[in-house]
């Protein structure tokens, strides 16, 4: 899926990996993948202490870049060297939250919300920095909570637990409307709200927000919506099909340089 999205976005490289922790020791593994061939062209493993996590990140970037003939502008180097937070505990809470999100169970997602809230309490500035890296002009906390409530609503819906599904749906919509009222224009959050309305069978609202998210990120959000089961209740709706078709045309036009 990540390779397919990378090709849609005309990316040259993908960077992925993970980490293992034992007490105060940590091992970070990172991989450089060539999008065109799907081949892993470089793998780096770095061992160190959790307290040195930020210097280890810098080392990972340096090691990955060796032999890749990459030329970085001063502003790009400054962005790489800038620390999103100086608190290791804050960083750990965010990392653990992301692991819970990937697990995807209701309990894991509920725990992720708590971890993200703790992270932003420990370092209020960390959320804004993380949101900026995600091309958002608002704090991570509110956007992440919206997306997590949407995922929880979908999960409880599939488990046939309507009370919990409605509770998280209401919370997601309330927080989303609050962000919109403050002037947020975030295609990622609009996509999640579109998927929530799709799951509930509200084609009119689902397509309205999907079109807005696709207008900003046509390649990525078309691929997501095509495979996202949350849109299955409205997949036969002509307006939904038209939104995906329009996104395809925009992606092709951008890819050809038109």
Protein backbone atom coordinates (compact mmCIF):
# COMPACT_ATOMS: atom_id res chain seq x y z
CA UNK A 1 0.00 0.00 0.00
CA UNK A 2 2.79 2.48 0.91
CA UNK A 3 4.62 1.73 -2.37
CA UNK A 4 1.39 2.24 -4.33
CA UNK A 5 0.73 5.60 -2.66
CA UNK A 6 4.36 6.60 -3.23
CA UNK A 7 3.97 5.92 -6.93
CA UNK A 8 0.71 7.88 -7.05
CA UNK A 9 2.49 10.83 -5.46
CA UNK A 10 5.47 10.47 -7.85
CA UNK A 11 7.82 9.99 -4.89
CA UNK A 12 11.34 8.68 -5.49
CA UNK A 13 12.04 7.25 -2.03
CA UNK A 14 10.19 5.94 1.00
CA UNK A 15 11.72 5.80 4.48
CA UNK A 16 10.39 3.25 6.98
CA UNK A 17 11.51 1.23 9.96
CA UNK A 18 10.91 0.59 13.64
CA UNK A 19 12.57 0.28 17.01
CA UNK A 20 13.13 -2.20 19.82
CA UNK A 21 13.62 -1.24 23.45
CA UNK A 22 15.10 -3.17 26.36
CA UNK A 23 15.22 -1.14 29.55
CA UNK A 24 17.14 2.04 28.81
CA UNK A 25 18.64 0.62 25.60
CA UNK A 26 17.09 1.05 22.17
CA UNK A 27 17.77 -0.24 18.66
CA UNK A 28 16.46 1.75 15.70
CA UNK A 29 16.18 0.17 12.27
CA UNK A 30 15.55 2.36 9.21
CA UNK A 31 15.15 1.44 5.55
CA UNK A 32 15.44 3.44 2.33
CA UNK A 33 13.10 2.03 -0.34
CA UNK A 34 13.18 2.96 -4.03
CA UNK A 35 9.56 3.54 -5.01
CA UNK A 36 9.96 2.64 -8.67
CA UNK A 37 11.33 -0.86 -8.09
CA UNK A 38 10.16 -1.44 -4.53
CA UNK A 39 13.72 -2.47 -3.65
CA UNK A 40 15.27 -1.75 -0.25
CA UNK A 41 18.43 0.11 -1.23
CA UNK A 42 19.80 0.84 2.23
CA UNK A 43 19.20 -0.44 5.78
CA UNK A 44 20.69 1.13 8.90
CA UNK A 45 20.66 -0.14 12.50
CA UNK A 46 21.63 2.16 15.36
CA UNK A 47 21.99 1.12 19.02
CA UNK A 48 22.06 3.50 21.98
CA UNK A 49 20.43 4.76 25.15
CA UNK A 50 16.84 6.02 25.19
CA UNK A 51 18.08 9.26 26.72
CA UNK A 52 20.08 9.89 23.53
CA UNK A 53 17.11 9.29 21.21
CA UNK A 54 17.39 12.65 19.46
CA UNK A 55 21.10 12.31 18.67
CA UNK A 56 20.37 8.75 17.49
CA UNK A 57 17.78 10.16 15.09
CA UNK A 58 20.36 12.56 13.67
CA UNK A 59 22.75 9.63 13.24
CA UNK A 60 20.07 7.63 11.39
CA UNK A 61 19.55 10.52 8.96
CA UNK A 62 23.30 10.83 8.40
CA UNK A 63 23.80 7.08 7.85
CA UNK A 64 20.84 6.79 5.47
CA UNK A 65 22.03 9.71 3.39
CA UNK A 66 25.52 8.26 2.82
CA UNK A 67 26.07 7.17 -0.76
CA UNK A 68 22.63 8.41 -1.88
CA UNK A 69 23.96 11.51 -3.70
CA UNK A 70 21.43 13.69 -1.90
CA UNK A 71 21.77 17.45 -1.96
CA UNK A 72 19.97 19.31 0.79
CA UNK A 73 19.34 23.04 1.06
CA UNK A 74 20.28 24.87 4.27
CA UNK A 75 16.61 25.19 5.19
CA UNK A 76 16.12 21.44 4.75
CA UNK A 77 19.14 20.68 6.94
CA UNK A 78 17.80 23.04 9.60
CA UNK A 79 14.43 21.26 9.52
CA UNK A 80 16.10 17.86 9.96
CA UNK A 81 18.22 19.10 12.87
CA UNK A 82 15.32 20.84 14.62
CA UNK A 83 14.01 18.81 17.54
CA UNK A 84 10.22 18.55 17.77
CA UNK A 85 10.55 18.23 21.54
CA UNK A 86 13.39 18.16 24.05
CA UNK A 87 11.49 15.79 26.35
CA UNK A 88 12.26 12.09 25.93
CA UNK A 89 9.15 11.20 27.94
CA UNK A 90 6.99 13.28 25.60
CA UNK A 91 8.55 11.60 22.58
CA UNK A 92 7.99 8.17 24.14
CA UNK A 93 4.31 8.88 24.77
CA UNK A 94 3.77 9.94 21.18
CA UNK A 95 5.66 6.88 19.87
CA UNK A 96 3.64 4.52 22.07
CA UNK A 97 0.44 6.21 20.91
CA UNK A 98 1.33 5.60 17.28
CA UNK A 99 1.98 1.91 18.05
CA UNK A 100 -1.48 1.69 19.62
CA UNK A 101 -3.06 3.36 16.59
CA UNK A 102 -1.45 0.79 14.31
CA UNK A 103 -2.82 -2.03 16.49
CA UNK A 104 -6.29 -0.65 15.81
CA UNK A 105 -8.35 -2.29 18.58
CA UNK A 106 -10.83 -0.12 20.54
CA UNK A 107 -8.78 -0.54 23.71
CA UNK A 108 -5.56 0.38 21.93
CA UNK A 109 -7.09 3.46 20.32
CA UNK A 110 -8.58 4.61 23.62
CA UNK A 111 -5.12 4.22 25.18
CA UNK A 112 -3.59 6.19 22.29
CA UNK A 113 -5.86 9.14 23.10
CA UNK A 114 -4.64 9.12 26.71
CA UNK A 115 -0.99 8.93 25.64
CA UNK A 116 -1.37 11.84 23.20
CA UNK A 117 -3.10 13.96 25.84
CA UNK A 118 -0.25 13.21 28.28
CA UNK A 119 2.35 14.10 25.65
CA UNK A 120 0.79 17.50 24.99
CA UNK A 121 0.53 18.21 28.73
CA UNK A 122 4.24 17.44 29.16
CA UNK A 123 5.23 19.65 26.22
CA UNK A 124 2.44 21.92 24.90
CA UNK A 125 4.65 23.01 22.01
CA UNK A 126 5.30 19.50 20.75
CA UNK A 127 1.81 19.12 19.27
CA UNK A 128 2.16 22.23 17.13
CA UNK A 129 5.56 21.10 15.84
CA UNK A 130 4.26 17.65 14.97
CA UNK A 131 1.22 19.13 13.27
CA UNK A 132 3.45 21.37 11.19
CA UNK A 133 5.37 18.33 9.92
CA UNK A 134 2.02 16.86 8.91
CA UNK A 135 1.23 19.99 6.85
CA UNK A 136 -1.36 21.17 9.33
CA UNK A 137 -1.62 24.67 10.74
CA UNK A 138 -3.26 23.55 13.96
CA UNK A 139 -2.18 21.55 16.99
CA UNK A 140 -1.69 17.80 16.77
CA UNK A 141 -3.86 17.11 19.76
CA UNK A 142 -7.21 18.23 18.38
CA UNK A 143 -6.69 16.75 14.92
CA UNK A 144 -5.39 13.45 16.28
CA UNK A 145 -8.29 13.16 18.69
CA UNK A 146 -10.78 13.67 15.84
CA UNK A 147 -9.15 10.95 13.78
CA UNK A 148 -8.96 8.57 16.72
CA UNK A 149 -12.63 9.11 17.62
CA UNK A 150 -13.53 8.38 13.99
CA UNK A 151 -11.57 5.13 14.11
CA UNK A 152 -13.18 4.16 17.40
CA UNK A 153 -16.64 4.89 16.00
CA UNK A 154 -15.91 2.66 13.00
CA UNK A 155 -14.53 -0.13 15.15
CA UNK A 156 -17.47 -0.14 17.56
CA UNK A 157 -19.86 0.03 14.59
CA UNK A 158 -18.35 -3.17 13.18
CA UNK A 159 -18.56 -4.79 16.61
CA UNK A 160 -22.30 -3.99 16.67
CA UNK A 161 -21.98 -1.73 19.70
CA UNK A 162 -24.11 1.26 18.56
CA UNK A 163 -24.00 3.17 21.84
CA UNK A 164 -20.20 3.36 21.87
CA UNK A 165 -20.12 4.00 18.11
CA UNK A 166 -22.54 6.93 18.42
CA UNK A 167 -20.62 8.33 21.40
CA UNK A 168 -17.36 8.50 19.48
CA UNK A 169 -19.11 9.70 16.31
CA UNK A 170 -20.69 12.62 18.18
CA UNK A 171 -17.35 13.50 19.78
CA UNK A 172 -15.56 13.43 16.41
CA UNK A 173 -18.14 15.63 14.67
CA UNK A 174 -18.25 18.10 17.59
CA UNK A 175 -14.47 18.48 17.63
CA UNK A 176 -14.37 18.75 13.83
CA UNK A 177 -16.99 21.51 13.72
CA UNK A 178 -15.06 23.35 16.43
CA UNK A 179 -11.89 23.21 14.31
CA UNK A 180 -13.72 24.43 11.20
CA UNK A 181 -15.20 27.31 13.17
CA UNK A 182 -11.65 28.34 14.13
CA UNK A 183 -10.63 28.42 10.47
CA UNK A 184 -8.86 25.06 10.12
CA UNK A 185 -8.56 23.74 6.57
CA UNK A 186 -7.11 20.28 7.02
CA UNK A 187 -7.59 17.73 4.19
CA UNK A 188 -6.59 14.79 6.40
CA UNK A 189 -9.24 15.52 9.01
CA UNK A 190 -11.84 16.16 6.29
CA UNK A 191 -11.06 12.72 4.89
CA UNK A 192 -11.69 11.09 8.27
CA UNK A 193 -14.98 12.93 8.70
CA UNK A 194 -15.98 11.89 5.17
CA UNK A 195 -15.27 8.26 6.05
CA UNK A 196 -17.33 8.60 9.22
CA UNK A 197 -20.36 9.86 7.28
CA UNK A 198 -19.75 7.13 4.70
CA UNK A 199 -19.87 4.48 7.41
CA UNK A 200 -23.17 5.93 8.62
CA UNK A 201 -24.59 5.90 5.07
CA UNK A 202 -24.86 9.69 4.76
CA UNK A 203 -23.73 9.98 1.12
CA UNK A 204 -24.36 13.72 0.82
CA UNK A 205 -22.05 14.71 3.71
CA UNK A 206 -19.52 11.98 2.99
CA UNK A 207 -19.06 13.09 -0.62
CA UNK A 208 -19.01 16.77 0.35
CA UNK A 209 -16.03 16.33 2.68
CA UNK A 210 -14.36 13.72 0.49
CA UNK A 211 -14.33 16.15 -2.44
CA UNK A 212 -12.67 18.77 -0.25
CA UNK A 213 -10.00 16.36 0.97
CA UNK A 214 -9.38 15.06 -2.56
CA UNK A 215 -9.04 18.61 -3.91
CA UNK A 216 -6.00 19.06 -1.66
CA UNK A 217 -4.51 15.55 -1.95
CA UNK A 218 -6.02 13.90 -5.06
CA UNK A 219 -3.63 10.96 -5.46
CA UNK A 220 -3.38 9.93 -1.82
CA UNK A 221 -7.02 10.33 -0.85
CA UNK A 222 -8.30 8.66 -4.03
CA UNK A 223 -6.22 5.57 -3.23
CA UNK A 224 -7.41 5.61 0.38
CA UNK A 225 -11.08 6.04 -0.48
CA UNK A 226 -10.96 3.32 -3.12
CA UNK A 227 -9.87 0.73 -0.55
CA UNK A 228 -11.45 2.15 2.62
CA UNK A 229 -14.27 -0.14 3.86
CA UNK A 230 -15.87 2.80 5.69
CA UNK A 231 -17.18 3.99 2.31
CA UNK A 232 -18.78 0.63 1.41
CA UNK A 233 -22.30 1.76 2.43
CA UNK A 234 -22.18 4.56 -0.19
CA UNK A 235 -19.84 3.00 -2.77
CA UNK A 236 -22.69 2.55 -5.29
CA UNK A 237 -23.75 6.19 -4.99
CA UNK A 238 -23.09 8.04 -8.30
CA UNK A 239 -21.72 11.10 -6.51
CA UNK A 240 -19.11 8.97 -4.74
CA UNK A 241 -18.04 7.35 -8.02
CA UNK A 242 -17.85 10.78 -9.67
CA UNK A 243 -15.60 12.11 -6.88
CA UNK A 244 -13.15 9.24 -7.36
CA UNK A 245 -13.22 9.62 -11.16
CA UNK A 246 -12.47 13.34 -10.88
CA UNK A 247 -9.58 12.60 -8.52
CA UNK A 248 -8.17 10.12 -11.04
CA UNK A 249 -8.22 12.72 -13.79
CA UNK A 250 -6.51 15.29 -11.57
CA UNK A 251 -3.82 12.78 -10.57
CA UNK A 252 -3.15 11.84 -14.19
CA UNK A 253 -2.97 15.49 -15.21
CA UNK A 254 -0.48 16.26 -12.43
CA UNK A 255 1.58 13.20 -13.29
CA UNK A 256 1.85 14.23 -16.94
CA UNK A 257 2.74 17.79 -16.03
CA UNK A 258 -0.45 19.17 -17.59
